[in-house]
Amino acid sequence: ARLKKGIYLLPSLFTTGNLFCGFFSIISTFDGKYLEASLLIIFAHLLDSLDGTVARLTKTTSQFGVEFDSLADMVSFGVAPAILVYFWALLPWGTWGWLAVGLYVVCGALRLSRFNVQVVSSEKTHFVGLPIPAAGEMIVAIFLIYHYFGVAAAPHKQVILLLVIYSLAALMVSNFRYFSVKQLGLKKRHPFWILLSAILLITLTIAEPQIMLFSTFLLYTLSGPLLWLFTVRKRR
């Protein structure tokens, strides 16, 4: 009945932009334009962050928007990064290569499905399992750091990349807790040093975007297992 009345246009446009970026990233990978494909995934992540924010600010959240966003995320951060890393580095591995990216895509779909059924009951301060946008950005960050140092995917380093893809797939369906941006409480007052730290991070990101992107998503990817180890040790 609600769908017959129409859909909210503004957040849906951002989600559509996210989906277009993911699709054209796949096309760019097929054309051998790996750098362009990785940048499109980054831009898709920016649009993905904006659609939810816009929906909450304009009070236009809906179940349709949640499902549409999940489908767009599946393309932009599931299929697109998998195809990128496969053609860029894992193609020589043959069966092991496409099995790795296939498992990554399947685990990404499972991660999104679990998030959708838990979106009402789950805590707003954390995610259960590595979010699929972070997993996709981790793949992009790895490619960009290789590109930054001017190193092609050498055979001995493809083993590391293969293990990374399997690890990202496992982390997405794990029960590790990951911090949510909502924990920052941007509407609340914060100490002055937090503002200075944010300005410093922005400055470093502008100066060395590849290194900062890789460092940020590597730390975030590892934060789930590290937080779990810290909690276990604290309980003991």
Protein backbone atom coordinates (compact mmCIF):
# COMPACT_ATOMS: atom_id res chain seq x y z
CA ALA A 1 0.00 0.00 0.00
CA ARG A 2 2.82 2.40 0.83
CA LEU A 3 4.61 1.59 -2.41
CA LYS A 4 1.50 2.49 -4.43
CA LYS A 5 1.70 6.00 -2.96
CA GLY A 6 5.22 6.38 -4.35
CA ILE A 7 8.79 6.30 -3.07
CA TYR A 8 11.00 8.92 -1.48
CA LEU A 9 12.93 10.53 -4.31
CA LEU A 10 15.96 12.16 -2.66
CA PRO A 11 17.55 9.15 -0.85
CA SER A 12 16.63 6.89 -3.78
CA LEU A 13 18.63 9.13 -6.14
CA PHE A 14 21.73 8.73 -3.98
CA THR A 15 21.22 4.97 -3.89
CA THR A 16 20.78 4.93 -7.67
CA GLY A 17 24.05 6.83 -8.02
CA ASN A 18 25.70 4.23 -5.81
CA LEU A 19 24.36 1.46 -8.06
CA PHE A 20 25.51 3.22 -11.24
CA CYS A 21 29.01 3.64 -9.82
CA GLY A 22 29.20 -0.07 -9.00
CA PHE A 23 27.98 -1.04 -12.47
CA PHE A 24 30.41 1.25 -14.30
CA SER A 25 33.20 0.01 -12.05
CA ILE A 26 32.56 -3.48 -13.43
CA ILE A 27 32.60 -2.12 -16.99
CA SER A 28 35.89 -0.31 -16.29
CA THR A 29 37.43 -3.51 -14.95
CA PHE A 30 36.46 -5.37 -18.13
CA ASP A 31 38.12 -2.58 -20.12
CA GLY A 32 41.31 -2.95 -18.07
CA LYS A 33 40.89 0.46 -16.39
CA TYR A 34 41.51 -0.77 -12.85
CA LEU A 35 42.29 2.64 -11.35
CA GLU A 36 39.06 4.08 -12.72
CA ALA A 37 37.16 1.06 -11.39
CA SER A 38 38.60 1.51 -7.89
CA LEU A 39 37.78 5.23 -7.82
CA LEU A 40 34.20 4.49 -8.83
CA ILE A 41 33.86 2.12 -5.86
CA ILE A 42 35.13 4.86 -3.54
CA PHE A 43 32.60 7.30 -5.00
CA ALA A 44 29.89 4.65 -4.56
CA HIS A 45 30.81 4.45 -0.87
CA LEU A 46 30.42 8.21 -0.52
CA LEU A 47 26.95 8.07 -2.09
CA ASP A 48 26.06 5.08 0.08
CA SER A 49 26.96 7.10 3.18
CA LEU A 50 24.88 10.04 2.01
CA ASP A 51 21.65 8.21 1.17
CA GLY A 52 21.10 7.00 4.72
CA THR A 53 22.08 10.36 6.19
CA VAL A 54 19.73 12.22 3.85
CA ALA A 55 16.90 9.78 4.60
CA ARG A 56 17.30 10.30 8.36
CA LEU A 57 17.61 14.09 8.12
CA THR A 58 14.55 14.41 5.88
CA LYS A 59 12.66 11.68 7.77
CA THR A 60 12.17 9.69 4.58
CA THR A 61 13.39 6.29 5.74
CA SER A 62 11.42 3.30 4.48
CA GLN A 63 11.71 -0.46 4.09
CA PHE A 64 11.87 0.05 0.34
CA GLY A 65 14.91 2.26 0.81
CA VAL A 66 16.60 -0.36 3.00
CA GLU A 67 16.09 -3.11 0.41
CA PHE A 68 17.11 -0.90 -2.51
CA ASP A 69 20.25 0.15 -0.64
CA SER A 70 21.17 -3.49 0.02
CA LEU A 71 20.82 -4.39 -3.66
CA ALA A 72 23.00 -1.44 -4.65
CA ASP A 73 25.60 -2.38 -2.02
CA MET A 74 25.68 -5.94 -3.35
CA VAL A 75 26.71 -4.63 -6.76
CA SER A 76 29.05 -1.82 -5.66
CA PHE A 77 30.84 -3.50 -2.76
CA GLY A 78 30.26 -7.18 -3.48
CA VAL A 79 30.41 -7.89 -7.21
CA ALA A 80 32.46 -4.89 -8.37
CA PRO A 81 35.44 -5.33 -5.96
CA ALA A 82 35.40 -9.10 -6.53
CA ILE A 83 35.67 -8.67 -10.30
CA LEU A 84 38.33 -5.98 -9.85
CA VAL A 85 40.62 -8.10 -7.68
CA TYR A 86 40.02 -11.21 -9.80
CA PHE A 87 41.07 -9.66 -13.12
CA TRP A 88 43.81 -7.58 -11.52
CA ALA A 89 45.57 -10.26 -9.48
CA LEU A 90 43.76 -13.59 -9.02
CA LEU A 91 43.17 -14.64 -12.62
CA PRO A 92 46.41 -16.72 -12.78
CA TRP A 93 45.18 -18.79 -9.82
CA GLY A 94 42.44 -20.34 -11.93
CA THR A 95 39.97 -22.30 -9.78
CA TRP A 96 41.34 -20.99 -6.49
CA GLY A 97 40.98 -17.43 -7.76
CA TRP A 98 37.36 -17.55 -8.82
CA LEU A 99 36.46 -19.62 -5.76
CA ALA A 100 37.91 -16.89 -3.54
CA VAL A 101 35.96 -14.07 -5.19
CA GLY A 102 32.86 -16.26 -5.44
CA LEU A 103 33.00 -16.93 -1.71
CA TYR A 104 33.50 -13.22 -1.11
CA VAL A 105 30.34 -12.38 -3.08
CA VAL A 106 28.28 -15.07 -1.32
CA CYS A 107 29.43 -13.95 2.13
CA GLY A 108 28.68 -10.36 1.19
CA ALA A 109 25.11 -11.34 0.28
CA LEU A 110 24.77 -13.23 3.56
CA ARG A 111 26.11 -10.23 5.45
CA LEU A 112 23.55 -7.92 3.89
CA SER A 113 20.71 -10.39 4.48
CA ARG A 114 21.64 -10.75 8.13
CA PHE A 115 21.84 -6.99 8.53
CA ASN A 116 18.37 -6.51 7.02
CA VAL A 117 16.70 -8.99 9.38
CA GLN A 118 18.55 -7.58 12.40
CA VAL A 119 18.21 -3.91 11.55
CA VAL A 120 15.35 -3.42 14.03
CA SER A 121 16.66 -5.52 16.91
CA SER A 122 20.43 -4.90 16.62
CA GLU A 123 22.28 -2.21 18.55
CA LYS A 124 22.91 1.05 16.75
CA THR A 125 26.41 1.46 18.19
CA HIS A 126 28.07 -1.42 16.34
CA PHE A 127 27.83 -3.81 13.41
CA VAL A 128 27.94 -7.60 13.72
CA GLY A 129 30.44 -8.76 11.12
CA LEU A 130 32.55 -6.63 8.82
CA PRO A 131 30.23 -4.33 6.79
CA ILE A 132 30.37 -5.07 3.07
CA PRO A 133 31.28 -1.45 2.12
CA ALA A 134 34.36 -1.71 4.37
CA ALA A 135 35.30 -5.06 2.82
CA GLY A 136 34.98 -3.61 -0.69
CA GLU A 137 36.99 -0.55 0.26
CA MET A 138 39.70 -2.79 1.74
CA ILE A 139 40.13 -4.43 -1.66
CA VAL A 140 40.25 -1.02 -3.33
CA ALA A 141 42.76 0.25 -0.76
CA ILE A 142 45.05 -2.72 -1.44
CA PHE A 143 44.98 -2.01 -5.18
CA LEU A 144 45.65 1.70 -4.64
CA ILE A 145 48.62 1.05 -2.34
CA TYR A 146 50.11 -1.25 -5.00
CA HIS A 147 49.46 1.44 -7.62
CA TYR A 148 50.97 4.10 -5.34
CA PHE A 149 54.28 2.23 -5.07
CA GLY A 150 54.19 1.33 -8.76
CA VAL A 151 54.24 -2.40 -8.07
CA ALA A 152 52.31 -4.86 -10.23
CA ALA A 153 50.71 -7.89 -8.60
CA ALA A 154 53.79 -10.15 -8.56
CA PRO A 155 53.16 -13.92 -8.27
CA HIS A 156 54.53 -14.23 -4.74
CA LYS A 157 52.26 -11.44 -3.55
CA GLN A 158 49.17 -12.93 -5.13
CA VAL A 159 49.21 -15.54 -2.36
CA ILE A 160 48.72 -12.77 0.18
CA LEU A 161 45.89 -11.28 -1.87
CA LEU A 162 44.22 -14.68 -2.14
CA LEU A 163 44.33 -15.11 1.64
CA VAL A 164 43.06 -11.55 2.13
CA ILE A 165 39.95 -12.24 0.03
CA TYR A 166 39.19 -15.42 1.97
CA SER A 167 39.73 -13.52 5.23
CA LEU A 168 37.39 -10.68 4.22
CA ALA A 169 34.71 -13.22 3.30
CA ALA A 170 35.05 -14.87 6.71
CA LEU A 171 35.00 -11.56 8.59
CA MET A 172 31.76 -10.48 6.92
CA VAL A 173 29.85 -13.51 8.24
CA SER A 174 31.65 -13.56 11.60
CA ASN A 175 30.22 -12.38 14.92
CA PHE A 176 32.98 -9.85 15.50
CA ARG A 177 31.68 -6.43 16.48
CA TYR A 178 32.70 -3.39 14.48
CA PHE A 179 32.29 0.22 15.49
CA SER A 180 29.58 2.29 13.85
CA VAL A 181 29.93 5.94 12.87
CA LYS A 182 26.84 6.58 14.97
CA GLN A 183 28.99 5.97 18.05
CA LEU A 184 30.79 9.25 17.40
CA GLY A 185 27.75 11.29 18.37
CA LEU A 186 28.45 14.15 15.96
CA LYS A 187 25.56 16.19 17.38
CA LYS A 188 27.11 16.21 20.88
CA ARG A 189 29.87 18.38 22.29
CA HIS A 190 33.40 16.95 22.18
CA PRO A 191 36.80 17.99 23.56
CA PHE A 192 38.82 20.45 21.51
CA TRP A 193 41.57 17.91 20.76
CA ILE A 194 39.11 15.79 18.78
CA LEU A 195 38.59 18.67 16.35
CA LEU A 196 42.36 19.09 16.00
CA SER A 197 42.75 15.34 15.40
CA ALA A 198 40.04 15.43 12.73
CA ILE A 199 41.74 18.36 10.98
CA LEU A 200 45.08 16.51 11.10
CA LEU A 201 43.53 13.36 9.60
CA ILE A 202 41.88 15.37 6.82
CA THR A 203 45.20 17.08 6.06
CA LEU A 204 47.06 13.75 5.90
CA THR A 205 44.32 12.27 3.71
CA ILE A 206 44.62 15.14 1.24
CA ALA A 207 48.43 14.85 1.23
CA GLU A 208 48.65 11.04 0.95
CA PRO A 209 45.19 9.66 0.09
CA GLN A 210 46.35 6.16 -0.90
CA ILE A 211 48.33 5.56 2.30
CA MET A 212 45.62 7.00 4.54
CA LEU A 213 42.87 5.03 2.83
CA PHE A 214 44.83 1.80 3.18
CA SER A 215 45.74 2.49 6.82
CA THR A 216 42.20 3.47 7.78
CA PHE A 217 40.46 0.44 6.32
CA LEU A 218 43.18 -1.96 7.46
CA LEU A 219 42.79 -0.75 11.05
CA TYR A 220 39.01 -0.94 10.79
CA THR A 221 39.13 -4.45 9.32
CA LEU A 222 41.41 -5.63 12.13
CA SER A 223 39.47 -3.78 14.84
CA GLY A 224 36.82 -6.52 15.10
CA PRO A 225 39.17 -9.43 15.91
CA LEU A 226 41.36 -7.17 18.09
CA LEU A 227 38.36 -5.97 20.10
CA TRP A 228 37.26 -9.58 20.57
CA LEU A 229 40.73 -10.59 21.81
CA PHE A 230 40.79 -7.64 24.19
CA THR A 231 37.36 -8.57 25.56
CA VAL A 232 38.34 -12.22 26.07
CA ARG A 233 41.55 -11.23 27.83
CA LYS A 234 39.69 -8.76 30.03
CA ARG A 235 37.17 -11.42 31.07
CA ARG A 236 39.95 -13.82 31.99
